Every structure is written in C-alpha cells, then in structure tokens.
Protein backbone atom coordinates (compact mmCIF):
# COMPACT_ATOMS: atom_id res chain seq x y z
CA MET A 1 44.70 -187.44 -43.39
CA VAL A 2 43.70 -189.06 -46.69
CA GLN A 3 40.88 -190.87 -44.92
CA ASP A 4 39.57 -187.59 -43.48
CA ILE A 5 39.61 -185.97 -46.93
CA ILE A 6 37.67 -188.92 -48.35
CA LEU A 7 35.15 -188.59 -45.52
CA GLN A 8 34.85 -184.86 -46.21
CA VAL A 9 34.06 -185.54 -49.86
CA GLY A 10 31.70 -188.31 -48.75
CA GLN A 11 29.70 -185.87 -46.63
CA VAL A 12 29.20 -183.53 -49.58
CA LEU A 13 28.26 -186.42 -51.88
CA THR A 14 25.80 -187.73 -49.30
CA VAL A 15 23.91 -184.44 -49.35
CA LEU A 16 24.28 -184.09 -53.12
CA LEU A 17 23.03 -187.57 -54.01
CA LEU A 18 20.46 -188.29 -51.29
CA SER A 19 18.66 -184.93 -51.28
CA PRO A 20 16.55 -185.74 -54.40
CA LEU A 21 15.69 -189.11 -52.86
CA LEU A 22 14.43 -187.43 -49.67
CA HIS A 23 12.28 -185.06 -51.72
CA GLY A 24 10.91 -187.95 -53.76
CA PHE A 25 10.10 -189.89 -50.59
CA ILE A 26 8.19 -186.96 -49.07
CA VAL A 27 6.18 -186.37 -52.27
CA LYS A 28 5.40 -190.10 -52.50
CA MET A 29 4.22 -190.29 -48.89
CA GLU A 30 2.07 -187.19 -49.27
CA GLU A 31 0.26 -188.83 -52.18
CA LYS A 32 -0.12 -192.07 -50.21
CA VAL A 33 -1.66 -190.23 -47.27
CA GLN A 34 -4.14 -188.63 -49.67
CA ARG A 35 -4.91 -192.10 -51.11
CA GLY A 36 -3.15 -191.43 -54.38
CA GLN A 37 -0.48 -193.46 -56.16
CA GLY A 38 2.09 -190.72 -56.50
CA PRO A 39 5.32 -190.71 -58.53
CA SER A 40 8.28 -192.94 -57.80
CA ILE A 41 10.66 -191.80 -55.06
CA PHE A 42 13.30 -191.71 -57.81
CA GLN A 43 11.29 -189.26 -59.94
CA PRO A 44 13.42 -186.23 -58.88
CA TYR A 45 16.48 -187.88 -60.46
CA ARG A 46 14.56 -188.34 -63.72
CA ASP A 47 13.41 -184.71 -63.57
CA LEU A 48 16.98 -183.50 -63.15
CA TRP A 49 18.14 -185.66 -66.05
CA LYS A 50 15.45 -184.22 -68.34
CA LEU A 51 16.12 -180.62 -67.31
CA PHE A 52 19.87 -180.93 -67.83
CA HIS A 53 19.19 -182.15 -71.39
CA LYS A 54 16.73 -179.40 -72.31
CA THR A 55 17.52 -176.18 -74.12
CA GLN A 56 18.19 -173.19 -71.89
CA LEU A 57 15.71 -170.35 -72.49
CA VAL A 58 16.61 -166.89 -71.20
CA PRO A 59 14.27 -163.87 -70.86
CA GLU A 60 15.37 -160.82 -72.87
CA SER A 61 15.44 -158.66 -69.74
CA ALA A 62 17.70 -161.02 -67.79
CA THR A 63 21.07 -159.81 -66.49
CA TRP A 64 24.10 -161.60 -65.05
CA VAL A 65 22.12 -162.19 -61.82
CA PHE A 66 19.79 -164.53 -63.68
CA PHE A 67 22.70 -166.72 -64.80
CA TRP A 68 24.76 -166.70 -61.61
CA ALA A 69 22.01 -167.05 -58.98
CA PRO A 70 21.50 -170.82 -59.57
CA VAL A 71 25.27 -171.41 -59.52
CA VAL A 72 25.76 -169.46 -56.28
CA ALA A 73 22.82 -171.22 -54.63
CA PHE A 74 24.07 -174.65 -55.70
CA VAL A 75 27.67 -174.04 -54.63
CA ALA A 76 26.52 -172.62 -51.28
CA MET A 77 24.60 -175.81 -50.56
CA MET A 78 27.76 -177.84 -51.30
CA ILE A 79 29.83 -175.81 -48.82
CA VAL A 80 27.56 -176.20 -45.78
CA PRO A 81 27.96 -180.03 -45.50
CA MET A 82 31.67 -179.43 -44.86
CA LEU A 83 30.80 -177.54 -41.66
CA ILE A 84 28.19 -179.81 -40.05
CA PRO A 85 28.06 -183.44 -38.85
CA VAL A 86 26.57 -185.50 -41.69
CA LEU A 87 28.39 -188.84 -41.43
CA THR A 88 30.86 -188.35 -38.57
CA ASN A 89 30.58 -186.83 -35.10
CA PHE A 90 34.11 -185.41 -35.28
CA PRO A 91 35.41 -182.45 -37.34
CA LEU A 92 36.99 -183.12 -40.72
CA PRO A 93 39.80 -181.11 -42.46
CA LEU A 94 37.64 -178.22 -43.70
CA SER A 95 35.14 -178.18 -40.83
CA ASP A 96 36.97 -175.29 -39.16
CA MET A 97 36.26 -172.95 -42.11
CA GLY A 98 33.20 -171.71 -40.25
CA ASP A 99 30.97 -172.32 -37.25
CA ILE A 100 27.24 -172.93 -37.04
CA LEU A 101 26.46 -169.25 -37.61
CA GLY A 102 28.72 -169.28 -40.66
CA GLY A 103 26.77 -172.22 -42.04
CA GLY A 104 23.54 -170.32 -41.51
CA LEU A 105 25.00 -167.31 -43.32
CA ILE A 106 25.94 -169.45 -46.33
CA LEU A 107 22.43 -170.93 -46.45
CA THR A 108 21.00 -167.41 -46.38
CA LEU A 109 23.38 -166.31 -49.15
CA GLY A 110 21.95 -168.93 -51.50
CA SER A 111 18.39 -167.88 -50.68
CA PHE A 112 19.31 -164.21 -51.17
CA PHE A 113 20.58 -164.79 -54.71
CA ILE A 114 17.43 -166.74 -55.61
CA LEU A 115 15.43 -163.80 -54.29
CA LEU A 116 17.41 -161.44 -56.55
CA ALA A 117 16.84 -163.79 -59.48
CA GLY A 118 13.09 -163.52 -58.96
CA LEU A 119 13.35 -159.73 -59.26
CA ASP A 120 15.92 -159.68 -62.06
CA THR A 121 13.70 -160.28 -65.09
CA GLY A 122 11.07 -157.74 -64.04
CA GLN A 123 8.26 -160.25 -64.44
CA PRO A 124 5.29 -159.83 -62.03
CA PHE A 125 5.28 -163.40 -60.68
CA GLY A 126 8.96 -163.28 -59.80
CA GLY A 127 8.53 -160.03 -57.93
CA LEU A 128 5.46 -161.41 -56.18
CA GLY A 129 7.32 -164.51 -54.98
CA SER A 130 10.39 -162.54 -53.90
CA SER A 131 8.36 -160.00 -51.94
CA ARG A 132 6.48 -162.77 -50.14
CA ALA A 133 9.73 -164.59 -49.40
CA VAL A 134 11.17 -161.42 -47.88
CA MET A 135 8.11 -161.02 -45.66
CA LEU A 136 8.63 -164.56 -44.38
CA GLY A 137 12.35 -163.97 -43.94
CA ILE A 138 11.79 -160.94 -41.72
CA LEU A 139 10.78 -163.29 -38.90
CA ALA A 140 12.33 -166.57 -40.05
CA GLU A 141 15.97 -165.46 -40.40
CA PRO A 142 16.27 -163.70 -36.99
CA THR A 143 14.66 -166.73 -35.36
CA LEU A 144 17.14 -169.05 -37.06
CA ILE A 145 20.01 -166.92 -35.74
CA LEU A 146 18.49 -167.00 -32.24
CA VAL A 147 18.23 -170.80 -32.42
CA PHE A 148 21.90 -171.07 -33.38
CA VAL A 149 22.86 -168.60 -30.63
CA GLY A 150 20.80 -170.61 -28.16
CA ILE A 151 22.64 -173.85 -28.94
CA THR A 152 26.00 -172.07 -28.59
CA PHE A 153 24.95 -170.83 -25.13
CA LEU A 154 23.98 -174.37 -24.22
CA ASP A 155 27.24 -176.04 -25.26
CA HIS A 156 29.54 -172.97 -24.85
CA SER A 157 30.88 -173.44 -28.38
CA MET A 158 30.11 -172.26 -31.90
CA LEU A 159 30.89 -175.66 -33.47
CA PRO A 160 27.96 -178.00 -34.21
CA PHE A 161 30.14 -181.03 -33.42
CA VAL A 162 30.46 -179.88 -29.79
CA ALA A 163 26.67 -179.60 -29.52
CA ASN A 164 26.34 -183.10 -30.95
CA HIS A 165 28.73 -184.53 -28.35
CA LEU A 166 27.07 -182.68 -25.46
CA LEU A 167 23.52 -183.72 -26.31
CA ALA A 168 24.45 -187.29 -27.22
CA GLN A 169 26.38 -187.91 -24.00
CA ASN A 170 24.60 -185.71 -21.44
CA PRO A 171 20.91 -186.58 -20.81
CA VAL A 172 20.57 -183.63 -18.43
CA ALA A 173 21.49 -181.18 -21.19
CA TYR A 174 19.34 -183.00 -23.74
CA TRP A 175 16.19 -182.87 -21.59
CA SER A 176 16.82 -179.36 -20.29
CA PRO A 177 14.06 -176.77 -20.90
CA ALA A 178 16.44 -174.68 -23.02
CA HIS A 179 17.09 -177.56 -25.41
CA ILE A 180 13.40 -178.53 -25.63
CA PHE A 181 12.50 -174.94 -26.55
CA LEU A 182 15.24 -174.93 -29.21
CA ILE A 183 13.86 -178.12 -30.76
CA LEU A 184 10.35 -176.64 -30.91
CA ALA A 185 11.60 -173.37 -32.39
CA PHE A 186 13.72 -175.11 -35.03
CA PHE A 187 10.95 -177.52 -35.97
CA ILE A 188 8.56 -174.65 -36.72
CA LEU A 189 11.33 -173.01 -38.77
CA LEU A 190 11.70 -176.21 -40.78
CA THR A 191 8.09 -175.89 -41.94
CA VAL A 192 8.90 -172.42 -43.27
CA GLU A 193 12.31 -173.08 -44.81
CA THR A 194 11.18 -176.33 -46.50
CA ASP A 195 7.84 -175.00 -47.81
CA ARG A 196 5.67 -176.86 -45.31
CA LEU A 197 4.07 -173.81 -43.70
CA PRO A 198 0.31 -174.01 -44.42
CA ILE A 199 0.48 -170.89 -46.60
CA HIS A 200 2.85 -172.62 -49.06
CA SER A 201 1.57 -174.53 -52.03
CA THR A 202 2.97 -176.09 -55.19
CA ILE A 203 -0.29 -175.31 -57.01
CA PRO A 204 0.64 -173.10 -60.02
CA TYR A 205 -1.71 -170.25 -59.09
CA GLU A 206 -0.26 -166.83 -58.32
CA ILE A 207 -2.31 -166.51 -55.14
CA TYR A 208 -0.40 -169.43 -53.62
CA MET A 209 3.05 -169.26 -55.15
CA ILE A 210 6.06 -168.16 -53.11
CA ASP A 211 9.20 -170.16 -53.87
CA GLU A 212 7.85 -171.47 -57.18
CA ALA A 213 7.14 -167.92 -58.34
CA ARG A 214 10.76 -166.85 -57.88
CA ILE A 215 12.01 -169.46 -60.35
CA LEU A 216 9.10 -169.34 -62.79
CA GLU A 217 11.24 -167.80 -65.57
CA TYR A 218 13.87 -170.54 -65.38
CA SER A 219 14.12 -173.61 -67.58
CA GLY A 220 16.61 -176.25 -68.61
CA PRO A 221 19.93 -176.70 -66.73
CA LEU A 222 19.57 -173.53 -64.63
CA LEU A 223 16.18 -174.72 -63.38
CA ALA A 224 17.74 -178.10 -62.57
CA LEU A 225 20.42 -176.38 -60.47
CA LEU A 226 17.79 -174.37 -58.61
CA LYS A 227 15.63 -177.38 -57.84
CA TRP A 228 18.65 -179.44 -56.78
CA ALA A 229 19.85 -176.61 -54.54
CA SER A 230 16.40 -176.39 -52.95
CA TRP A 231 16.38 -180.12 -52.20
CA MET A 232 19.91 -179.89 -50.81
CA LYS A 233 18.87 -177.03 -48.52
CA GLN A 234 16.01 -179.17 -47.25
CA PHE A 235 18.40 -182.06 -46.62
CA ILE A 236 20.91 -179.79 -44.85
CA LEU A 237 18.30 -178.25 -42.55
CA TYR A 238 17.01 -181.70 -41.65
CA THR A 239 20.63 -182.76 -41.01
CA ILE A 240 21.22 -179.89 -38.60
CA PHE A 241 17.90 -180.56 -36.87
CA LEU A 242 18.52 -184.30 -36.54
CA ASN A 243 22.27 -184.55 -35.94
CA VAL A 244 22.75 -181.42 -33.83
CA PHE A 245 19.41 -180.91 -32.06
CA PHE A 246 16.96 -183.81 -32.06
CA LEU A 247 18.68 -187.17 -32.71
CA PRO A 248 22.43 -186.64 -32.24
CA TRP A 249 23.17 -190.38 -32.15
CA GLY A 250 24.12 -192.83 -34.88
CA LEU A 251 27.04 -190.98 -36.50
CA SER A 252 30.41 -192.57 -37.15
CA THR A 253 32.85 -192.11 -34.28
CA SER A 254 35.88 -193.72 -35.91
CA GLY A 255 35.56 -193.09 -39.64
CA THR A 256 36.08 -196.74 -40.55
CA PRO A 257 34.23 -198.11 -43.61
CA GLY A 258 31.96 -200.26 -41.44
CA SER A 259 30.95 -197.35 -39.22
CA ILE A 260 30.30 -195.15 -42.28
CA VAL A 261 27.99 -197.77 -43.81
CA LEU A 262 26.17 -198.02 -40.48
CA ALA A 263 25.91 -194.22 -40.34
CA LEU A 264 24.38 -194.20 -43.84
CA LEU A 265 21.76 -196.75 -42.74
CA VAL A 266 20.98 -194.63 -39.70
CA ILE A 267 20.67 -191.59 -41.97
CA LEU A 268 18.08 -193.37 -44.10
CA ALA A 269 16.09 -194.25 -40.97
CA LYS A 270 16.35 -190.73 -39.53
CA TYR A 271 15.28 -189.01 -42.73
CA GLY A 272 12.49 -191.50 -43.23
CA PHE A 273 11.23 -190.52 -39.79
CA ILE A 274 11.51 -186.75 -40.31
CA GLY A 275 10.01 -187.10 -43.80
CA LEU A 276 6.94 -188.91 -42.44
CA LEU A 277 6.69 -186.37 -39.63
CA MET A 278 6.69 -183.50 -42.10
CA VAL A 279 4.12 -185.26 -44.28
CA GLY A 280 1.87 -185.61 -41.24
CA VAL A 281 2.30 -181.97 -40.27
CA ASP A 282 1.68 -180.75 -43.82
CA THR A 283 -1.38 -182.98 -44.27
CA MET A 284 -3.08 -182.26 -40.95
CA GLN A 285 -2.71 -178.47 -41.06
CA SER A 286 -5.47 -176.34 -42.46
CA ARG A 287 -4.51 -173.89 -45.18
CA LEU A 288 -4.01 -170.39 -43.75
CA ARG A 289 -4.43 -167.03 -45.40
CA PHE A 290 -1.09 -165.48 -46.27
CA TYR A 291 -1.37 -162.59 -43.81
CA ARG A 292 -1.37 -165.11 -40.94
CA TYR A 293 2.16 -166.24 -41.73
CA GLN A 294 3.44 -164.36 -38.68
CA GLU A 295 1.56 -166.56 -36.19
CA PRO A 296 3.70 -169.74 -36.37
CA LEU A 297 6.84 -167.68 -36.95
CA ALA A 298 6.14 -165.53 -33.89
CA LEU A 299 5.64 -168.71 -31.87
CA SER A 300 8.98 -170.02 -33.12
CA PHE A 301 10.67 -166.73 -32.18
CA LEU A 302 9.11 -166.94 -28.70
CA PHE A 303 10.43 -170.48 -28.21
CA ALA A 304 13.93 -169.34 -29.24
CA VAL A 305 13.83 -166.45 -26.76
CA LEU A 306 12.54 -168.75 -24.00
CA ALA A 307 15.41 -171.17 -24.74
CA ILE A 308 18.00 -168.43 -24.21
CA VAL A 309 16.26 -167.18 -21.06
CA ALA A 310 15.97 -170.71 -19.65
CA ASP A 311 19.65 -171.32 -20.29
CA GLN A 312 20.63 -168.17 -18.42
CA LEU A 313 18.46 -168.87 -15.36
C-alpha cells in the first residue's frame, strides 16, 4: 500500500517536473529546424524561477476570478495524472476517483477558468483570445469526448488502464480500423490543444494571439502558474495519446524501483519522439487564416465518428 502511494505521488511529480523540460525540448528543436540556436531545453525552469520571484501586478478591474483561475488550472493539471497511466500500467490508490471522461472534464475545467480569466479584466486582448478559444472549443471539445467514447467502446471500459492493456496485448485490436481512426482524430486534436494548429502563433500581435491573449494581463507568480499549467496540460495530453492510444508499451508492470527507472527512460524516448513529430508538423504546415480553423477540426470529428461506426460494424 505504501509503495502504491509513493508511485501515485511519483506520477504527479513526473508530470509536474518533466512538463517544462518537454516544452523546452520542443522550442529548442523548432529553432534547430529553422537553423537557429534556440534557448536551452532548461530555459522554462529558469523562466518559472524568475516569474515566481517577480512582483505580482494586478489590474484594477480584476475580480476573484483573476486570482483563482491560475490556481484552479494548476490544481486541475495535478489531479489528472492520478487517473491515467503515467509510470505504471496498473491502477494506483486514487485512480478510481474518475474514468477517462472524468479526466477530460477536469482538463476542460482548467481551460474554462483560464477563459474566464481572459474576460475578467475587461481588456480587449483578453476578450479577443477568449472568444477565439471558445470558437475552437466548439469543435475541439465534442471531438475529444467522442474520442474518449470511442476508446471505451473498443475496450468496453471507462478506465484508461484497461485500454492500455487491451492495445498492448491484442494486435488485432491495436490495428483495427476503429483504433486507427481514433489515433488520427486524437493526433489532430493534439495540434489544437497544444497550440500547434497552423492558426496559432506565439508572435505578440493581436491578429495571431489566442492562448497568449487570455493571459496577457498576468505577471509574476500567477503567470508562472498559468504557464506551468499549460505545459502540464501538454504533457498530460501527450501521455494519454502515447500510453493509452499510440504506444501503450514500456510502462512498469510491477512497480519495483528498477521497472520505474526503466519506465522513466522509456518516457523520455516517447516524448522525444512525439516532440520531434510535433515540431515537424508545426514546421511543415502553412499558416492558415483563422476562419479556416474548422477544416482540421472537422476532419478530426469525422475520424472520431468513423471510429465509433467501425467499432459497431
């Protein structure tokens, strides 16, 4: 029992501590692809350190939403790793608090509060970013629910650990049309949820900003929490994609220290792969006008529907 509790804490710490490293790796590789030097992969840790030591500035029009949105988003991202396979392929003490749909709901809760924070101060850029995020969410969130429903139809369970076991041990299920469609649908969703859709940009111009616009009024420790929560969400979505859908192998089956160390090494390899894949996708895509955001999202929705239909045939 004590070992399981330690493993549960270890899963949360893995997401907490490695998520900035994953972000730093992706940023570094993007600069390398574009023949630049780029910052160190450890730069996100330095950024967090500086932000936590800066003075907190608060707009005069801010309400309690402004203060609590970063906390809610950060705490939500710490809850989800308890429900999904991060280090082990077997449930841990608190894994039965919720199923895969519950994990998706908690992820959405964090995003919802950040959306409210963008509207809270009444500043134009925040409202602009929040309205654009809602437009993306109209198609992205239902598709994410359909993907999670599709995997539950495939493994006849709402627990992500069951899906991991089925796909890791049953090649027929892994290579089934339903599962292939789910992978394609989820991969397109990843480009949206992790700001890799070709309408996203980190350029500080209002015509491009979506996620950055929502947090433009933040500074200091609250901004650090928001950025850290965003990196954790990216890490969690990649975890679900890799450990539940795409590469369900390499997790610890016994929980022994040796198997956990091996699982951590496998994690580094997996996330290195998905990071490079996302860098390639982001680099090769042409920038789209914002009104064309529905095209890749509609394709993702179609793949999710086809997965459910294929499973029922």
